[in-house]
Amino acid sequence: MHPEPLLEIHPQDALELKLRDGELAAVSSRRGHITANVKVTDRIRRGSVFLPMHWGFTQEKACEANTLMHDQACPVSKQPELKACAVIVAPAVSVVKPVEQEAGRLEALRRWFSPALR
């Protein structure tokens, strides 16, 4: 278990894409764009990357993997129907934060989602 969301990538792919362990990567699909810190590991098959989906906008170190997926999802949990998609990965020049983390929005969303905070 990692203490933050990490984009896991095979060493050979990381070398070809000029990605280094611990550096920031830009991840894009047809549906969205995010950034994540890179974890170079041989546990990942060449040509694939892995990004945990459990680091949503309510987490301080958010990495909204669902942004990359299509809109077909559970209406309650927002868990996407598919958990795999084609992406382009490249070194990032700046961090992309979820829109929900803009000033004051995250706290308002937490209060709305949690009856105990009302």
C-alpha atoms as a PDB file:
ATOM      1  CA  MET A   1       0.000   0.000   0.000  1.00  0.00           C
ATOM      2  CA  HIS A   2       1.358   3.386  -0.965  1.00  0.00           C
ATOM      3  CA  PRO A   3       0.917   6.489   1.233  1.00  0.00           C
ATOM      4  CA  GLU A   4      -0.153   8.469  -1.839  1.00  0.00           C
ATOM      5  CA  PRO A   5      -1.583   7.768  -5.298  1.00  0.00           C
ATOM      6  CA  LEU A   6       1.244   6.598  -7.539  1.00  0.00           C
ATOM      7  CA  LEU A   7       1.263   5.871 -11.251  1.00  0.00           C
ATOM      8  CA  GLU A   8       3.011   2.513 -11.502  1.00  0.00           C
ATOM      9  CA  ILE A   9       4.944   1.980 -14.734  1.00  0.00           C
ATOM     10  CA  HIS A  10       7.413  -0.620 -16.027  1.00  0.00           C
ATOM     11  CA  PRO A  11      11.100   0.494 -15.985  1.00  0.00           C
ATOM     12  CA  GLN A  12      11.524   0.147 -19.769  1.00  0.00           C
ATOM     13  CA  ASP A  13       8.380   2.202 -20.468  1.00  0.00           C
ATOM     14  CA  ALA A  14       9.512   4.836 -17.968  1.00  0.00           C
ATOM     15  CA  LEU A  15      12.892   5.042 -19.699  1.00  0.00           C
ATOM     16  CA  GLU A  16      11.315   5.419 -23.155  1.00  0.00           C
ATOM     17  CA  LEU A  17       8.879   8.074 -21.898  1.00  0.00           C
ATOM     18  CA  LYS A  18      11.592   9.907 -19.907  1.00  0.00           C
ATOM     19  CA  LEU A  19       9.759   9.385 -16.616  1.00  0.00           C
ATOM     20  CA  ARG A  20      11.676   9.039 -13.364  1.00  0.00           C
ATOM     21  CA  ASP A  21      10.675   7.516 -10.056  1.00  0.00           C
ATOM     22  CA  GLY A  22       9.065  10.170  -7.827  1.00  0.00           C
ATOM     23  CA  GLU A  23       8.597  12.723 -10.608  1.00  0.00           C
ATOM     24  CA  LEU A  24       5.258  14.032 -11.839  1.00  0.00           C
ATOM     25  CA  ALA A  25       3.554  12.480 -14.874  1.00  0.00           C
ATOM     26  CA  ALA A  26       0.667  13.787 -16.961  1.00  0.00           C
ATOM     27  CA  VAL A  27      -1.931  11.106 -17.744  1.00  0.00           C
ATOM     28  CA  SER A  28      -4.532  11.801 -20.446  1.00  0.00           C
ATOM     29  CA  SER A  29      -7.399   9.848 -21.953  1.00  0.00           C
ATOM     30  CA  ARG A  30     -10.118  10.877 -24.396  1.00  0.00           C
ATOM     31  CA  ARG A  31     -12.175  11.909 -21.367  1.00  0.00           C
ATOM     32  CA  GLY A  32      -9.834  13.750 -19.037  1.00  0.00           C
ATOM     33  CA  HIS A  33      -6.416  14.671 -17.719  1.00  0.00           C
ATOM     34  CA  ILE A  34      -4.731  14.151 -14.355  1.00  0.00           C
ATOM     35  CA  THR A  35      -1.245  14.231 -12.857  1.00  0.00           C
ATOM     36  CA  ALA A  36       0.343  11.647 -10.580  1.00  0.00           C
ATOM     37  CA  ASN A  37       3.710  10.877  -9.079  1.00  0.00           C
ATOM     38  CA  VAL A  38       5.575   8.060 -10.822  1.00  0.00           C
ATOM     39  CA  LYS A  39       6.520   4.734  -9.247  1.00  0.00           C
ATOM     40  CA  VAL A  40       8.839   2.743 -11.529  1.00  0.00           C
ATOM     41  CA  THR A  41       8.337  -0.970 -10.847  1.00  0.00           C
ATOM     42  CA  ASP A  42       8.763  -4.270 -12.650  1.00  0.00           C
ATOM     43  CA  ARG A  43       5.452  -5.441 -11.123  1.00  0.00           C
ATOM     44  CA  ILE A  44       3.692  -3.755 -14.052  1.00  0.00           C
ATOM     45  CA  ARG A  45       3.600  -5.351 -17.505  1.00  0.00           C
ATOM     46  CA  ARG A  46       5.247  -3.346 -20.296  1.00  0.00           C
ATOM     47  CA  GLY A  47       2.744  -1.227 -22.169  1.00  0.00           C
ATOM     48  CA  SER A  48       0.456  -0.858 -19.141  1.00  0.00           C
ATOM     49  CA  VAL A  49       0.251   1.520 -16.221  1.00  0.00           C
ATOM     50  CA  PHE A  50      -1.638   1.263 -12.948  1.00  0.00           C
ATOM     51  CA  LEU A  51      -3.228   4.049 -10.940  1.00  0.00           C
ATOM     52  CA  PRO A  52      -5.396   3.340  -7.876  1.00  0.00           C
ATOM     53  CA  MET A  53      -8.913   4.729  -8.135  1.00  0.00           C
ATOM     54  CA  HIS A  54      -9.385   5.200  -4.385  1.00  0.00           C
ATOM     55  CA  TRP A  55      -7.714   8.617  -4.154  1.00  0.00           C
ATOM     56  CA  GLY A  56     -10.679  10.812  -5.090  1.00  0.00           C
ATOM     57  CA  PHE A  57     -11.227  14.522  -4.591  1.00  0.00           C
ATOM     58  CA  THR A  58     -12.029  14.103  -0.894  1.00  0.00           C
ATOM     59  CA  GLN A  59      -8.434  12.994  -0.240  1.00  0.00           C
ATOM     60  CA  GLU A  60      -5.765  15.604   0.439  1.00  0.00           C
ATOM     61  CA  LYS A  61      -3.470  13.974  -2.138  1.00  0.00           C
ATOM     62  CA  ALA A  62      -6.250  13.607  -4.692  1.00  0.00           C
ATOM     63  CA  CYS A  63      -5.652  11.845  -7.965  1.00  0.00           C
ATOM     64  CA  GLU A  64      -9.055  11.507  -9.564  1.00  0.00           C
ATOM     65  CA  ALA A  65      -8.533   8.413 -11.764  1.00  0.00           C
ATOM     66  CA  ASN A  66     -12.269   8.355 -12.526  1.00  0.00           C
ATOM     67  CA  THR A  67     -11.712  11.522 -14.587  1.00  0.00           C
ATOM     68  CA  LEU A  68     -10.066   9.311 -17.200  1.00  0.00           C
ATOM     69  CA  MET A  69     -13.044   6.930 -17.465  1.00  0.00           C
ATOM     70  CA  HIS A  70     -16.337   7.182 -19.327  1.00  0.00           C
ATOM     71  CA  ASP A  71     -19.485   8.465 -17.617  1.00  0.00           C
ATOM     72  CA  GLN A  72     -21.192   5.083 -17.127  1.00  0.00           C
ATOM     73  CA  ALA A  73     -20.966   4.639 -13.355  1.00  0.00           C
ATOM     74  CA  CYS A  74     -22.842   3.614 -10.240  1.00  0.00           C
ATOM     75  CA  PRO A  75     -25.066   6.606  -9.371  1.00  0.00           C
ATOM     76  CA  VAL A  76     -24.242   6.308  -5.663  1.00  0.00           C
ATOM     77  CA  SER A  77     -20.514   5.491  -5.481  1.00  0.00           C
ATOM     78  CA  LYS A  78     -19.556   7.007  -8.859  1.00  0.00           C
ATOM     79  CA  GLN A  79     -17.413   3.898  -9.423  1.00  0.00           C
ATOM     80  CA  PRO A  80     -16.911   3.565 -13.185  1.00  0.00           C
ATOM     81  CA  GLU A  81     -18.366   0.635 -15.052  1.00  0.00           C
ATOM     82  CA  LEU A  82     -14.960   0.004 -16.596  1.00  0.00           C
ATOM     83  CA  LYS A  83     -11.732   0.348 -14.673  1.00  0.00           C
ATOM     84  CA  ALA A  84      -9.414   0.302 -17.667  1.00  0.00           C
ATOM     85  CA  CYS A  85      -8.886   2.736 -20.515  1.00  0.00           C
ATOM     86  CA  ALA A  86      -6.266   3.829 -23.020  1.00  0.00           C
ATOM     87  CA  VAL A  87      -4.050   6.682 -21.808  1.00  0.00           C
ATOM     88  CA  ILE A  88      -1.128   8.774 -22.926  1.00  0.00           C
ATOM     89  CA  VAL A  89       1.586   9.289 -20.315  1.00  0.00           C
ATOM     90  CA  ALA A  90       4.279  11.984 -20.421  1.00  0.00           C
ATOM     91  CA  PRO A  91       6.377  14.054 -18.018  1.00  0.00           C
ATOM     92  CA  ALA A  92       4.215  16.774 -16.438  1.00  0.00           C
ATOM     93  CA  VAL A  93       5.105  20.429 -16.054  1.00  0.00           C
ATOM     94  CA  SER A  94       2.407  21.322 -13.494  1.00  0.00           C
ATOM     95  CA  VAL A  95      -0.083  19.642 -11.152  1.00  0.00           C
ATOM     96  CA  VAL A  96      -3.716  19.135 -12.195  1.00  0.00           C
ATOM     97  CA  LYS A  97      -5.999  19.317  -9.140  1.00  0.00           C
ATOM     98  CA  PRO A  98      -9.641  18.156  -9.126  1.00  0.00           C
ATOM     99  CA  VAL A  99     -12.067  21.060  -9.570  1.00  0.00           C
ATOM    100  CA  GLU A 100     -13.736  19.995  -6.313  1.00  0.00           C
ATOM    101  CA  GLN A 101     -10.609  21.100  -4.433  1.00  0.00           C
ATOM    102  CA  GLU A 102     -10.973  24.761  -5.419  1.00  0.00           C
ATOM    103  CA  ALA A 103     -11.254  27.186  -2.496  1.00  0.00           C
ATOM    104  CA  GLY A 104     -14.026  26.138  -0.113  1.00  0.00           C
ATOM    105  CA  ARG A 105     -15.642  23.581  -2.420  1.00  0.00           C
ATOM    106  CA  LEU A 106     -14.095  20.519  -0.794  1.00  0.00           C
ATOM    107  CA  GLU A 107     -15.317  21.410   2.707  1.00  0.00           C
ATOM    108  CA  ALA A 108     -18.792  22.181   1.344  1.00  0.00           C
ATOM    109  CA  LEU A 109     -18.868  18.809  -0.429  1.00  0.00           C
ATOM    110  CA  ARG A 110     -17.713  16.981   2.698  1.00  0.00           C
ATOM    111  CA  ARG A 111     -20.525  18.592   4.716  1.00  0.00           C
ATOM    112  CA  TRP A 112     -23.071  17.725   2.018  1.00  0.00           C
ATOM    113  CA  PHE A 113     -21.957  14.070   1.770  1.00  0.00           C
ATOM    114  CA  SER A 114     -21.606  13.493   5.509  1.00  0.00           C
ATOM    115  CA  PRO A 115     -24.743  13.939   7.651  1.00  0.00           C
ATOM    116  CA  ALA A 116     -22.566  13.871  10.770  1.00  0.00           C
ATOM    117  CA  LEU A 117     -20.976  17.165   9.702  1.00  0.00           C
ATOM    118  CA  ARG A 118     -24.305  18.957   9.167  1.00  0.00           C
END
